[in-house]
Amino acid sequence: MAVIGSGPAGIYTAEALVKQSAEPVAVDVLERLPTPYGLVRYGVAPDHTSIKSIANYLRRVLELPQVRFLGGVTLGEHLSVDDLLGVYDAVVYCTGAMVDRKLGIPGEDLPGSVAATDFVNWYCGHPDVDPGRFTLDTSEVAVIGVGNVAVDVVRVLAKTADELRATDVPHEVLERLGESQVKAIHMIGRRGPEHAKFTLKELRELGELANADVCVRPEEAVVLGGDFPRQVQGNIKVLQSWAAREPVGRPRRLDVRFWMRPVEILGAERVEGLKLERTRLSEDGRVVGTGEFETLPVGMVLRSVGYRSVPLPGVPFSERTMTVPNEAGRVREREYVAGWLKRGPTGVIGTNKSDAAETVRTLLADLDGRERVGHDGIGALLAARGVRPVTYDEWLAVEAAEAELAKTLGRGERVKLVGLEAMLRAIRP
């Protein structure tokens, strides 16, 4: 079997294949980067060490004798779908949804208007993002969105570099964070507190920031009745308690705003402001503008209004749902999908486990009684094209180099290497 993508969805799929198959199975996990774990490595905030510990579970799957990690292999560049179907009995696509949705407002493409995922990738050390990408030379920043990614972004912006020193943030990024000129951060939601998508644990963390006052406007924290789930009730209670607080003069300020929507990003050569409109709910539950406007003097806008998947070469894709069309994970004969690429960006990391199990049940039922066509020919195929995959042992060399770097710098357990060249030097000195 081939699994395309080594994030949680891909690794949970590999695990399910090993556990559910009634006959011996070999699973190759193909990943375009030299590093596994996907969002766990490049999406979870560096100060959320308990969530990042999920990598320890994923590691055990990659160390199963039936599973093989092949890094640095890209579908559409090194291999086609037909290539995969020629050497595997089945292929499961698990490449996630890591592109931001657009706001669709004027000025969105100005320099300084950035997808939150780019910023997350930056502070998480993703090799696709230059560590010099962000300078944080503006005093005010707006973060559009009230989900957990937005909460992560504002928390990293609000903290000092010293508070992040023990994490695995790349050293080049830590230095940029230490030079940050940001004094005010605005987190903006189109709807009210009862509609916010963050979880209570993540929200409470903002109230514990030592370097920033967290402020909520009392009139924006008002909630009109409703039988809300416990999680939502908890969020409302926390936000209303913040609305009753007085700032104590911490170095930075975080304003959590509700009932405001961005209508234009202002600026000539780069972002110079963000125009907002007050909103309300219409009788049919839609968000509508009230004609009351406000402008924030921000020099950066980070957009965090949802994720979407991108098409894979040769694989069906729905532009309407931004997913691969499927029936319980089945795409076409011997082709399957799992994770966000299958269902959209919903659920938490653990949701991918049950999702992968469903896809694998479909796959194994389809293959039951069919003639096997797969063979261990991927190595020869890649070698003929001059591709040398990164092995699991070579990935462990990257981990060892990151641990050594942390020791050298006097920082925590690990400091991420920046860029593919640095990783490859650790792998193949």
Protein backbone atom coordinates (compact mmCIF):
# COMPACT_ATOMS: atom_id res chain seq x y z
CA MET A 1 0.00 0.00 0.00
CA ALA A 2 1.04 3.61 -0.54
CA VAL A 3 -0.01 6.46 1.74
CA ILE A 4 0.65 9.94 0.33
CA GLY A 5 1.34 12.35 3.20
CA SER A 6 2.89 11.72 6.62
CA GLY A 7 0.76 13.96 8.81
CA PRO A 8 -1.62 12.49 11.38
CA ALA A 9 -4.14 11.38 8.72
CA GLY A 10 -1.45 9.55 6.75
CA ILE A 11 0.17 7.87 9.72
CA TYR A 12 -3.17 6.87 11.26
CA THR A 13 -4.02 5.35 7.87
CA ALA A 14 -0.78 3.36 7.87
CA GLU A 15 -1.56 2.14 11.38
CA ALA A 16 -5.10 1.12 10.42
CA LEU A 17 -3.82 -0.79 7.39
CA VAL A 18 -1.43 -2.77 9.57
CA LYS A 19 -4.03 -3.46 12.28
CA GLN A 20 -7.06 -4.18 10.10
CA SER A 21 -5.51 -6.27 7.34
CA ALA A 22 -6.12 -10.01 7.77
CA GLU A 23 -3.09 -10.77 5.60
CA PRO A 24 0.47 -9.42 5.65
CA VAL A 25 0.65 -5.81 4.49
CA ALA A 26 3.52 -3.47 3.64
CA VAL A 27 2.84 0.27 3.81
CA ASP A 28 5.02 2.96 2.28
CA VAL A 29 4.37 6.47 3.63
CA LEU A 30 5.47 8.95 0.94
CA GLU A 31 6.14 12.55 1.97
CA ARG A 32 7.39 15.50 -0.10
CA LEU A 33 9.38 16.89 2.85
CA PRO A 34 12.30 15.07 4.50
CA THR A 35 10.40 15.25 7.80
CA PRO A 36 7.25 13.41 8.92
CA TYR A 37 4.29 14.42 11.14
CA GLY A 38 2.78 17.21 9.02
CA LEU A 39 0.74 19.64 11.12
CA VAL A 40 2.09 18.18 14.36
CA ARG A 41 5.56 19.45 13.39
CA TYR A 42 4.63 22.49 11.28
CA GLY A 43 1.19 23.57 12.52
CA VAL A 44 1.04 23.10 16.28
CA ALA A 45 2.29 26.16 18.16
CA PRO A 46 5.78 25.65 19.62
CA ASP A 47 4.61 26.39 23.17
CA HIS A 48 1.94 23.66 22.99
CA THR A 49 4.27 20.86 23.94
CA SER A 50 1.49 18.55 25.16
CA ILE A 51 -0.13 18.54 21.71
CA LYS A 52 3.23 18.17 19.97
CA SER A 53 3.78 15.03 22.07
CA ILE A 54 1.36 13.31 19.67
CA ALA A 55 4.49 12.87 17.55
CA ASN A 56 5.60 10.21 20.03
CA TYR A 57 2.54 8.14 19.12
CA LEU A 58 3.02 8.73 15.40
CA ARG A 59 6.68 7.75 15.74
CA ARG A 60 5.69 4.30 17.00
CA VAL A 61 3.64 3.73 13.85
CA LEU A 62 6.55 4.69 11.58
CA GLU A 63 8.73 2.25 13.52
CA LEU A 64 6.42 -0.70 12.85
CA PRO A 65 8.23 -3.30 10.70
CA GLN A 66 5.41 -3.18 8.13
CA VAL A 67 5.75 0.58 7.62
CA ARG A 68 8.42 2.42 5.63
CA PHE A 69 8.94 6.21 5.47
CA LEU A 70 10.04 7.67 2.12
CA GLY A 71 10.67 11.41 2.43
CA GLY A 72 11.53 13.89 -0.27
CA VAL A 73 9.15 12.26 -2.78
CA THR A 74 6.53 14.43 -4.49
CA LEU A 75 3.44 13.23 -6.35
CA GLY A 76 3.29 14.97 -9.72
CA GLU A 77 7.01 15.70 -9.77
CA HIS A 78 8.77 12.41 -9.05
CA LEU A 79 5.84 10.04 -9.50
CA SER A 80 2.45 10.00 -11.22
CA VAL A 81 -0.74 8.28 -10.10
CA ASP A 82 -0.17 5.64 -12.80
CA ASP A 83 3.35 5.05 -11.44
CA LEU A 84 1.91 4.43 -7.98
CA LEU A 85 -0.82 2.11 -9.21
CA GLY A 86 1.83 0.16 -11.09
CA VAL A 87 3.73 -0.80 -7.92
CA TYR A 88 1.07 -0.70 -5.19
CA ASP A 89 -2.21 -2.53 -4.67
CA ALA A 90 -3.85 0.67 -3.43
CA VAL A 91 -3.03 4.33 -2.83
CA VAL A 92 -4.46 6.56 -0.07
CA TYR A 93 -4.15 10.35 -0.44
CA CYS A 94 -3.68 12.16 2.89
CA THR A 95 -2.21 15.56 2.06
CA GLY A 96 -4.46 17.67 4.28
CA ALA A 97 -5.68 21.24 3.82
CA MET A 98 -2.97 23.78 4.48
CA VAL A 99 -3.89 26.72 2.24
CA ASP A 100 -5.83 29.65 3.70
CA ARG A 101 -9.17 30.76 2.37
CA LYS A 102 -9.24 34.30 0.97
CA LEU A 103 -11.20 37.18 2.50
CA GLY A 104 -12.27 38.47 -0.91
CA ILE A 105 -11.88 42.17 -0.05
CA PRO A 106 -9.97 45.05 -1.69
CA GLY A 107 -6.32 45.35 -0.66
CA GLU A 108 -6.00 41.70 0.31
CA ASP A 109 -2.92 41.25 -1.89
CA LEU A 110 -0.97 44.22 -0.48
CA PRO A 111 2.42 43.44 1.07
CA GLY A 112 1.78 42.93 4.77
CA SER A 113 -1.49 41.06 4.18
CA VAL A 114 -0.54 37.47 4.88
CA ALA A 115 -2.18 34.08 5.25
CA ALA A 116 -2.00 33.00 8.88
CA THR A 117 -0.69 29.63 7.71
CA ASP A 118 2.39 31.38 6.27
CA PHE A 119 3.04 32.98 9.64
CA VAL A 120 2.48 29.66 11.43
CA ASN A 121 4.82 27.92 8.99
CA TRP A 122 7.39 30.64 9.68
CA TYR A 123 7.49 30.29 13.44
CA CYS A 124 7.25 26.49 13.14
CA GLY A 125 10.30 26.38 10.84
CA HIS A 126 8.62 25.00 7.71
CA PRO A 127 11.23 24.66 4.96
CA ASP A 128 8.89 26.33 2.43
CA VAL A 129 9.14 29.64 4.33
CA ASP A 130 12.28 31.78 4.54
CA PRO A 131 13.15 32.52 8.21
CA GLY A 132 13.65 36.15 7.14
CA ARG A 133 10.10 36.39 5.78
CA PHE A 134 8.72 38.44 8.69
CA THR A 135 10.32 41.43 10.39
CA LEU A 136 7.48 42.48 12.75
CA ASP A 137 8.42 46.13 12.32
CA THR A 138 4.89 47.49 12.80
CA SER A 139 3.35 48.51 16.11
CA GLU A 140 -0.14 47.14 15.38
CA VAL A 141 -1.27 43.85 13.83
CA ALA A 142 -4.74 42.54 13.00
CA VAL A 143 -5.54 38.83 13.06
CA ILE A 144 -8.78 38.03 11.23
CA GLY A 145 -10.51 35.01 12.72
CA VAL A 146 -11.53 33.61 16.10
CA GLY A 147 -10.45 29.98 15.88
CA ASN A 148 -7.58 28.10 17.50
CA VAL A 149 -5.11 29.04 14.76
CA ALA A 150 -5.86 32.73 15.34
CA VAL A 151 -5.40 32.17 19.08
CA ASP A 152 -2.00 30.52 18.46
CA VAL A 153 -0.89 33.39 16.24
CA VAL A 154 -1.86 36.15 18.68
CA ARG A 155 -0.29 34.25 21.59
CA VAL A 156 3.04 33.96 19.75
CA LEU A 157 2.86 37.65 18.79
CA ALA A 158 2.09 38.61 22.38
CA LYS A 159 4.81 36.59 24.09
CA THR A 160 8.42 37.66 24.52
CA ALA A 161 11.26 35.82 22.83
CA ASP A 162 12.47 34.72 26.27
CA GLU A 163 9.11 33.02 26.90
CA LEU A 164 9.61 31.01 23.69
CA ARG A 165 13.30 30.33 24.19
CA ALA A 166 12.81 26.82 25.60
CA THR A 167 10.64 25.77 22.62
CA ASP A 168 11.78 24.39 19.25
CA VAL A 169 11.30 27.71 17.40
CA PRO A 170 14.16 28.10 14.88
CA HIS A 171 16.86 30.36 16.27
CA GLU A 172 16.62 32.78 13.33
CA VAL A 173 12.90 33.15 13.99
CA LEU A 174 13.43 33.60 17.73
CA GLU A 175 15.79 36.49 16.99
CA ARG A 176 13.14 38.14 14.79
CA LEU A 177 10.55 37.70 17.53
CA GLY A 178 12.98 39.29 19.97
CA GLU A 179 13.17 42.36 17.70
CA SER A 180 9.37 42.65 17.36
CA GLN A 181 7.96 46.19 17.46
CA VAL A 182 4.39 44.96 17.94
CA LYS A 183 2.54 46.70 20.77
CA ALA A 184 -1.13 46.11 19.90
CA ILE A 185 -2.79 42.99 18.46
CA HIS A 186 -6.40 42.96 17.29
CA MET A 187 -8.20 39.60 16.95
CA ILE A 188 -11.38 40.13 14.96
CA GLY A 189 -14.53 38.03 14.59
CA ARG A 190 -17.48 38.69 12.28
CA ARG A 191 -19.98 37.22 14.73
CA GLY A 192 -20.44 37.22 18.49
CA PRO A 193 -18.65 35.38 21.32
CA GLU A 194 -21.15 32.51 21.11
CA HIS A 195 -20.03 31.80 17.52
CA ALA A 196 -16.26 31.79 18.11
CA LYS A 197 -14.48 28.57 17.12
CA PHE A 198 -11.67 28.48 19.68
CA THR A 199 -11.67 25.86 22.42
CA LEU A 200 -11.90 26.88 26.07
CA LYS A 201 -8.42 25.67 27.00
CA GLU A 202 -6.76 27.71 24.24
CA LEU A 203 -8.88 30.77 25.06
CA ARG A 204 -7.96 30.68 28.74
CA GLU A 205 -4.28 30.68 27.86
CA LEU A 206 -4.66 34.17 26.44
CA GLY A 207 -5.86 35.43 29.80
CA GLU A 208 -2.67 34.10 31.40
CA LEU A 209 -0.29 36.05 29.16
CA ALA A 210 2.36 37.76 31.29
CA ASN A 211 3.37 40.20 28.55
CA ALA A 212 -0.03 41.43 27.33
CA ASP A 213 -3.25 42.91 28.67
CA VAL A 214 -6.25 41.13 27.15
CA CYS A 215 -9.21 43.42 26.52
CA VAL A 216 -12.80 42.83 25.41
CA ARG A 217 -15.35 45.60 24.88
CA PRO A 218 -18.35 45.03 27.18
CA GLU A 219 -20.88 45.84 24.44
CA GLU A 220 -19.26 43.24 22.13
CA ALA A 221 -19.37 40.53 24.81
CA VAL A 222 -23.14 40.70 25.26
CA VAL A 223 -24.89 37.43 24.38
CA LEU A 224 -28.65 37.27 24.01
CA GLY A 225 -29.99 34.06 25.56
CA GLY A 226 -29.71 30.68 23.93
CA ASP A 227 -29.11 27.13 25.11
CA PHE A 228 -25.41 26.88 24.32
CA PRO A 229 -23.16 23.81 24.64
CA ARG A 230 -20.91 23.73 27.72
CA GLN A 231 -17.84 24.64 25.65
CA VAL A 232 -19.55 27.76 24.30
CA GLN A 233 -20.85 28.72 27.75
CA GLY A 234 -17.27 28.49 29.03
CA ASN A 235 -15.99 30.74 26.25
CA ILE A 236 -18.69 33.32 26.93
CA LYS A 237 -17.93 33.33 30.66
CA VAL A 238 -14.21 33.87 30.07
CA LEU A 239 -14.76 36.63 27.52
CA GLN A 240 -17.24 38.46 29.72
CA SER A 241 -14.82 38.26 32.65
CA TRP A 242 -12.18 39.91 30.46
CA ALA A 243 -14.67 42.64 29.53
CA ALA A 244 -14.84 43.53 33.24
CA ARG A 245 -11.05 43.77 33.59
CA GLU A 246 -8.98 46.93 33.64
CA PRO A 247 -5.64 46.89 31.75
CA VAL A 248 -2.65 46.85 34.11
CA GLY A 249 -0.09 48.32 31.71
CA ARG A 250 1.66 45.25 30.32
CA PRO A 251 4.02 45.87 27.36
CA ARG A 252 1.53 44.58 24.78
CA ARG A 253 -2.24 44.75 24.40
CA LEU A 254 -4.56 42.20 22.84
CA ASP A 255 -8.00 43.45 21.81
CA VAL A 256 -10.47 40.63 21.15
CA ARG A 257 -13.21 42.08 18.92
CA PHE A 258 -16.61 40.73 17.93
CA TRP A 259 -19.34 41.80 15.53
CA MET A 260 -16.79 43.38 13.17
CA ARG A 261 -15.95 42.31 9.64
CA PRO A 262 -13.06 43.44 7.41
CA VAL A 263 -14.25 45.29 4.32
CA GLU A 264 -10.97 46.72 2.97
CA ILE A 265 -7.25 46.55 3.63
CA LEU A 266 -5.87 50.05 3.17
CA GLY A 267 -2.51 51.20 1.86
CA ALA A 268 -0.62 52.36 -1.22
CA GLU A 269 2.59 50.28 -1.29
CA ARG A 270 1.85 48.06 1.70
CA VAL A 271 -0.73 47.60 4.47
CA GLU A 272 -1.40 50.83 6.36
CA GLY A 273 -4.81 50.16 7.86
CA LEU A 274 -7.81 47.86 8.08
CA LYS A 275 -11.36 49.12 7.55
CA LEU A 276 -13.97 47.25 9.58
CA GLU A 277 -17.77 47.33 9.53
CA ARG A 278 -19.98 46.65 12.52
CA THR A 279 -22.18 43.60 11.90
CA ARG A 280 -25.36 41.99 13.21
CA LEU A 281 -27.38 38.89 12.46
CA SER A 282 -30.31 39.15 10.08
CA GLU A 283 -33.59 37.37 10.80
CA ASP A 284 -32.44 34.39 8.73
CA GLY A 285 -29.14 34.16 10.66
CA ARG A 286 -26.83 35.76 8.11
CA VAL A 287 -24.13 38.28 9.05
CA VAL A 288 -25.00 41.68 7.61
CA GLY A 289 -23.32 45.07 7.83
CA THR A 290 -24.80 47.95 9.79
CA GLY A 291 -23.09 50.78 7.90
CA GLU A 292 -21.01 51.71 10.94
CA PHE A 293 -17.28 51.67 10.11
CA GLU A 294 -14.00 51.79 12.01
CA THR A 295 -10.38 51.89 10.80
CA LEU A 296 -7.47 50.27 12.64
CA PRO A 297 -3.96 51.70 11.97
CA VAL A 298 -2.35 48.29 11.45
CA GLY A 299 0.76 47.55 9.41
CA MET A 300 0.08 43.82 9.07
CA VAL A 301 -3.05 41.71 8.55
CA LEU A 302 -2.94 37.97 9.20
CA ARG A 303 -5.88 36.10 7.66
CA SER A 304 -7.16 33.06 9.58
CA VAL A 305 -10.63 32.38 8.19
CA GLY A 306 -10.33 28.71 7.33
CA TYR A 307 -8.29 26.18 5.39
CA ARG A 308 -8.78 24.49 2.07
CA SER A 309 -7.11 21.63 0.26
CA VAL A 310 -5.37 21.92 -3.08
CA PRO A 311 -5.71 19.50 -6.02
CA LEU A 312 -3.20 16.70 -6.47
CA PRO A 313 -1.97 16.01 -10.03
CA GLY A 314 -4.09 13.30 -11.61
CA VAL A 315 -6.51 13.01 -8.68
CA PRO A 316 -10.19 14.06 -8.86
CA PHE A 317 -10.98 17.27 -6.97
CA SER A 318 -14.11 19.26 -6.23
CA GLU A 319 -13.65 23.03 -6.42
CA ARG A 320 -16.99 23.42 -4.64
CA THR A 321 -16.11 21.42 -1.51
CA MET A 322 -12.33 21.74 -1.87
CA THR A 323 -12.02 18.00 -1.22
CA VAL A 324 -11.45 14.81 -3.20
CA PRO A 325 -14.92 13.35 -3.96
CA ASN A 326 -15.29 9.98 -2.28
CA GLU A 327 -17.64 7.39 -0.85
CA ALA A 328 -16.48 6.34 2.62
CA GLY A 329 -12.95 7.08 1.45
CA ARG A 330 -13.15 5.44 -2.00
CA VAL A 331 -12.16 7.73 -4.88
CA ARG A 332 -11.70 5.38 -7.83
CA GLU A 333 -10.59 1.79 -8.24
CA ARG A 334 -7.59 1.25 -5.91
CA GLU A 335 -7.51 4.97 -5.00
CA TYR A 336 -8.66 6.27 -1.61
CA VAL A 337 -8.53 9.40 0.54
CA ALA A 338 -8.43 10.21 4.27
CA GLY A 339 -8.16 13.25 6.53
CA TRP A 340 -8.99 16.85 5.67
CA LEU A 341 -8.56 16.12 1.96
CA LYS A 342 -11.46 13.67 2.37
CA ARG A 343 -13.87 15.56 4.66
CA GLY A 344 -12.68 19.18 4.79
CA PRO A 345 -10.88 20.98 7.65
CA THR A 346 -13.01 19.79 10.53
CA GLY A 347 -12.31 18.09 13.84
CA VAL A 348 -9.15 17.84 15.89
CA ILE A 349 -5.99 15.82 15.27
CA GLY A 350 -7.52 12.72 16.84
CA THR A 351 -10.54 12.88 14.50
CA ASN A 352 -8.25 11.66 11.75
CA LYS A 353 -7.90 8.30 13.48
CA SER A 354 -11.55 7.25 13.09
CA ASP A 355 -11.63 8.86 9.65
CA ALA A 356 -8.62 6.80 8.53
CA ALA A 357 -10.16 3.64 9.98
CA GLU A 358 -13.28 4.13 7.85
CA THR A 359 -11.23 4.58 4.68
CA VAL A 360 -9.16 1.49 5.43
CA ARG A 361 -12.28 -0.62 6.01
CA THR A 362 -13.53 0.44 2.59
CA LEU A 363 -10.15 -0.27 0.98
CA LEU A 364 -9.73 -3.74 2.47
CA ALA A 365 -13.29 -4.73 1.59
CA ASP A 366 -12.69 -3.63 -2.01
CA LEU A 367 -9.47 -5.63 -2.28
CA ASP A 368 -10.89 -8.75 -0.65
CA GLY A 369 -10.58 -11.61 -3.14
CA ARG A 370 -8.92 -9.51 -5.85
CA GLU A 371 -5.65 -10.42 -7.47
CA ARG A 372 -2.68 -8.58 -6.01
CA VAL A 373 -0.69 -6.38 -8.42
CA GLY A 374 1.64 -4.56 -6.04
CA HIS A 375 5.36 -5.25 -5.79
CA ASP A 376 8.33 -3.60 -4.12
CA GLY A 377 9.38 -1.64 -7.18
CA ILE A 378 9.24 1.89 -5.85
CA GLY A 379 12.96 2.00 -5.07
CA ALA A 380 14.00 1.06 -8.61
CA LEU A 381 11.44 3.47 -10.07
CA LEU A 382 12.75 6.40 -8.03
CA ALA A 383 16.40 5.46 -8.61
CA ALA A 384 15.83 5.48 -12.36
CA ARG A 385 14.65 9.08 -11.98
CA GLY A 386 17.56 10.12 -9.80
CA VAL A 387 15.50 10.38 -6.61
CA ARG A 388 16.98 9.14 -3.35
CA PRO A 389 14.24 9.07 -0.72
CA VAL A 390 14.92 10.14 2.85
CA THR A 391 14.63 7.10 5.10
CA TYR A 392 13.28 6.99 8.64
CA ASP A 393 16.81 6.55 10.02
CA GLU A 394 17.88 9.65 8.10
CA TRP A 395 14.97 11.58 9.61
CA LEU A 396 16.25 10.50 13.03
CA ALA A 397 19.57 12.11 12.08
CA VAL A 398 17.69 15.40 11.62
CA GLU A 399 16.15 15.00 15.08
CA ALA A 400 19.59 14.31 16.56
CA ALA A 401 21.04 17.40 14.86
CA GLU A 402 18.18 19.52 16.25
CA ALA A 403 18.79 18.20 19.75
CA GLU A 404 22.50 18.99 19.40
CA LEU A 405 21.69 22.50 18.17
CA ALA A 406 19.48 23.11 21.22
CA LYS A 407 22.31 21.96 23.47
CA THR A 408 24.78 24.27 21.73
CA LEU A 409 22.41 27.25 22.06
CA GLY A 410 21.37 26.41 25.61
CA ARG A 411 17.74 26.09 24.57
CA GLY A 412 15.28 23.34 25.52
CA GLU A 413 15.28 19.84 24.04
CA ARG A 414 15.31 20.70 20.36
CA VAL A 415 15.71 23.67 18.00
CA LYS A 416 14.45 23.16 14.46
CA LEU A 417 16.86 23.26 11.57
CA VAL A 418 15.88 25.82 8.96
CA GLY A 419 15.63 24.90 5.29
CA LEU A 420 16.04 21.75 3.25
CA GLU A 421 19.80 22.24 2.81
CA ALA A 422 20.43 22.22 6.57
CA MET A 423 18.34 19.07 6.94
CA LEU A 424 20.10 17.32 4.09
CA ARG A 425 23.49 18.22 5.59
CA ALA A 426 22.38 16.50 8.80
CA ILE A 427 21.17 13.49 6.82
CA ARG A 428 24.09 13.13 4.44
CA PRO A 429 27.12 15.02 5.75
